[in-house]
Amino acid sequence: MVFFGPANRGSAQAATSQSSHMRTPIDWHQSSETVPYPDLKQAKNLWVKVELKANRTYIYDGNKLLYTMYSCGGVYQKDKQTGKMKSLTPTGTFHVQSERGDHFFNSQLQVGANYYTSWHDHGQYLFHSVPTTADGSYNKVEAAKLGKTQGSHGCIRLSVADARWIEQNLPTGTKVVIVD
C-alpha cells in the first residue's frame, strides 16, 4: 500500500489509511502502531509532521507516510495580542537538535519525562514520553490525554515506546514541521 503526504492527500485521510495499524485502545506504554517501526536508514527524505489539533505525529520519507504516533501537544490559551486561541507549542519548521537523554525533571514545573529529544531552543521544546512525577512514576491522568487532547507546556508528548524510539533513532538535523 502506498501512502501520500500532505501535498497529495489530507492528513486525516492518511491517518485513516493507517488506522488498521493504530493500537486501539491507546496504550501510553506501547508503540502507537501494531507494526514494527520503520528503518530510518532507508529513508532518503526523512521528516516529521506534528498536527497539534489532531494529536498525531507522522514520520515521513518524502511524501510516503512511514509511521503514525499518538501525541499530545501544548494546551491552548488565548493570545493576548490577537485574542485567538493558540497552542503553547510553537508552530513552524524546526530541526531535531543534539540534546537528548533518558530522563529529565523540571523542578519549576514539577514535571518530568523519559526519553527526550530536542527540536527547538536546545532543550526547551522536546519530543518526550508522557509525563512523570517527582518520584519518577508516570502521571496516569496526564498520560490518558495521549492521542485525545492537548496537555503539555509546549513539548510533544509521545507514548513511552514511541519516545524511546524517537530518542534512539531520529537523526539530529531531521526536519520537524509543527502545524495547528
Protein backbone atom coordinates (compact mmCIF):
# COMPACT_ATOMS: atom_id res chain seq x y z
CA MET A 1 0.00 0.00 0.00
CA VAL A 2 1.30 3.48 -0.86
CA PHE A 3 0.67 6.46 1.41
CA PHE A 4 0.88 10.03 0.24
CA GLY A 5 1.85 13.00 2.36
CA PRO A 6 0.04 16.26 2.89
CA ALA A 7 0.91 17.62 -0.53
CA ASN A 8 -1.10 14.89 -2.23
CA ARG A 9 -3.66 13.86 0.31
CA GLY A 10 -5.20 15.26 3.50
CA SER A 11 -3.63 14.09 6.74
CA ALA A 12 -6.97 12.86 8.01
CA GLN A 13 -7.18 10.57 5.01
CA ALA A 14 -3.60 9.40 5.53
CA ALA A 15 -4.34 8.69 9.17
CA THR A 16 -7.50 6.81 8.21
CA SER A 17 -5.49 4.68 5.80
CA GLN A 18 -3.15 3.81 8.66
CA SER A 19 -5.94 3.28 11.19
CA SER A 20 -5.87 -0.50 10.81
CA HIS A 21 -2.34 -0.39 12.26
CA MET A 22 -3.10 2.04 15.08
CA ARG A 23 -3.23 0.46 18.53
CA THR A 24 -6.73 0.76 19.97
CA PRO A 25 -7.43 1.46 22.65
CA ILE A 26 -4.47 3.80 23.04
CA ASP A 27 -1.84 2.37 25.40
CA TRP A 28 0.63 5.05 26.51
CA HIS A 29 3.18 2.36 27.41
CA GLN A 30 3.38 0.79 23.94
CA SER A 31 4.09 1.80 20.35
CA SER A 32 1.23 3.64 18.64
CA GLU A 33 1.09 1.17 15.76
CA THR A 34 0.95 -2.60 15.93
CA VAL A 35 3.54 -2.95 13.16
CA PRO A 36 7.32 -2.57 13.57
CA TYR A 37 8.92 0.87 13.48
CA PRO A 38 10.38 1.84 10.10
CA ASP A 39 14.08 1.54 9.30
CA LEU A 40 15.02 5.21 9.05
CA LYS A 41 18.35 4.37 7.42
CA GLN A 42 16.35 3.53 4.29
CA ALA A 43 14.66 6.97 4.18
CA LYS A 44 16.02 9.40 1.60
CA ASN A 45 13.94 12.43 2.65
CA LEU A 46 13.08 11.88 6.32
CA TRP A 47 10.92 14.43 8.10
CA VAL A 48 8.35 14.63 10.90
CA LYS A 49 4.97 16.35 10.89
CA VAL A 50 3.10 17.11 14.11
CA GLU A 51 -0.59 18.02 13.88
CA LEU A 52 -1.46 19.63 17.20
CA LYS A 53 -5.26 19.58 16.95
CA ALA A 54 -5.28 16.02 15.59
CA ASN A 55 -2.95 14.82 18.39
CA ARG A 56 -0.83 12.91 15.88
CA THR A 57 2.82 12.83 14.90
CA TYR A 58 3.72 11.46 11.47
CA ILE A 59 7.08 10.12 10.26
CA TYR A 60 7.54 10.64 6.50
CA ASP A 61 10.03 9.74 3.80
CA GLY A 62 9.25 12.46 1.26
CA ASN A 63 5.53 12.01 0.55
CA LYS A 64 5.39 8.46 1.89
CA LEU A 65 3.92 8.08 5.36
CA LEU A 66 6.10 5.65 7.30
CA TYR A 67 4.57 5.68 10.77
CA THR A 68 1.87 7.43 12.81
CA MET A 69 2.15 8.15 16.53
CA TYR A 70 -0.40 9.30 19.06
CA SER A 71 0.80 12.56 20.56
CA CYS A 72 -0.19 15.40 22.85
CA GLY A 73 0.94 18.99 22.31
CA GLY A 74 0.65 22.23 24.19
CA VAL A 75 -2.59 23.40 25.74
CA TYR A 76 -4.42 26.22 24.01
CA GLN A 77 -4.62 29.64 25.63
CA LYS A 78 -5.98 32.96 24.45
CA ASP A 79 -3.25 35.03 22.76
CA LYS A 80 -3.14 38.44 24.43
CA GLN A 81 -2.40 40.28 21.17
CA THR A 82 -4.82 38.55 18.79
CA GLY A 83 -7.44 37.22 21.19
CA LYS A 84 -7.31 33.89 19.34
CA MET A 85 -6.66 30.53 20.95
CA LYS A 86 -3.05 29.48 20.46
CA SER A 87 -1.14 26.36 21.50
CA LEU A 88 1.81 26.64 23.86
CA THR A 89 3.66 24.54 21.25
CA PRO A 90 5.27 26.78 18.63
CA THR A 91 4.28 26.11 15.03
CA GLY A 92 6.61 26.25 12.06
CA THR A 93 9.60 24.36 10.73
CA PHE A 94 12.31 23.22 13.13
CA HIS A 95 15.05 20.58 13.18
CA VAL A 96 15.97 17.85 15.65
CA GLN A 97 18.81 19.07 17.84
CA SER A 98 21.58 17.19 19.59
CA GLU A 99 20.09 17.39 23.11
CA ARG A 100 18.56 14.06 24.05
CA GLY A 101 18.52 11.72 27.01
CA ASP A 102 16.75 9.14 29.10
CA HIS A 103 15.13 11.35 31.77
CA PHE A 104 14.65 14.93 32.90
CA PHE A 105 12.74 16.67 35.67
CA ASN A 106 11.77 20.35 35.67
CA SER A 107 11.57 21.39 39.32
CA GLN A 108 9.92 24.70 38.43
CA LEU A 109 7.02 22.99 36.64
CA GLN A 110 7.19 19.87 38.86
CA VAL A 111 7.05 17.62 35.81
CA GLY A 112 9.49 15.31 34.11
CA ALA A 113 9.55 12.72 31.36
CA ASN A 114 11.60 9.94 29.88
CA TYR A 115 13.31 9.60 26.50
CA TYR A 116 13.58 13.18 25.32
CA THR A 117 14.76 14.62 22.01
CA SER A 118 15.06 18.39 21.47
CA TRP A 119 13.59 20.02 18.36
CA HIS A 120 13.63 23.73 19.31
CA ASP A 121 15.62 26.07 21.59
CA HIS A 122 18.12 23.41 22.68
CA GLY A 123 16.15 21.57 25.33
CA GLN A 124 13.23 23.98 25.68
CA TYR A 125 10.90 22.07 23.32
CA LEU A 126 11.14 18.31 23.18
CA PHE A 127 9.63 15.09 21.99
CA HIS A 128 9.33 13.02 25.19
CA SER A 129 7.29 10.35 26.92
CA VAL A 130 4.08 11.04 28.76
CA PRO A 131 4.97 13.00 31.92
CA THR A 132 6.49 11.71 35.12
CA THR A 133 6.17 12.99 38.67
CA ALA A 134 8.96 13.97 41.07
CA ASP A 135 9.40 10.33 42.15
CA GLY A 136 9.82 9.20 38.51
CA SER A 137 6.46 7.43 38.21
CA TYR A 138 4.20 8.21 35.27
CA ASN A 139 1.37 10.69 35.78
CA LYS A 140 -1.54 8.48 34.68
CA VAL A 141 -4.06 11.34 34.48
CA GLU A 142 -1.80 13.21 32.05
CA ALA A 143 -0.85 10.00 30.21
CA ALA A 144 -4.55 9.36 29.50
CA LYS A 145 -4.61 12.52 27.33
CA LEU A 146 -2.25 10.94 24.77
CA GLY A 147 -3.80 10.98 21.31
CA LYS A 148 -7.00 12.57 22.62
CA THR A 149 -6.37 16.16 23.70
CA GLN A 150 -3.67 18.72 24.42
CA GLY A 151 -1.94 18.88 27.77
CA SER A 152 1.71 19.90 27.66
CA HIS A 153 3.53 23.15 28.41
CA GLY A 154 4.75 23.15 24.79
CA CYS A 155 6.55 19.85 24.25
CA ILE A 156 5.23 16.95 22.18
CA ARG A 157 4.31 14.03 24.40
CA LEU A 158 4.50 10.51 22.98
CA SER A 159 3.95 7.01 24.32
CA VAL A 160 6.86 5.62 26.31
CA ALA A 161 7.83 3.25 23.48
CA ASP A 162 7.50 5.92 20.76
CA ALA A 163 9.54 8.46 22.75
CA ARG A 164 12.29 5.88 23.31
CA TRP A 165 12.34 5.03 19.60
CA ILE A 166 12.50 8.73 18.60
CA GLU A 167 15.36 9.35 21.06
CA GLN A 168 17.33 6.37 19.78
CA ASN A 169 16.59 6.61 16.05
CA LEU A 170 15.61 10.09 14.81
CA PRO A 171 18.78 11.69 13.42
CA THR A 172 19.93 15.13 14.53
CA GLY A 173 19.00 17.62 11.82
CA THR A 174 15.74 15.90 10.82
CA LYS A 175 13.14 18.48 9.75
CA VAL A 176 10.15 18.81 12.10
CA VAL A 177 7.05 20.65 10.85
CA ILE A 178 4.52 21.60 13.52
CA VAL A 179 1.06 22.71 12.39
CA ASP A 180 -2.04 23.70 14.28
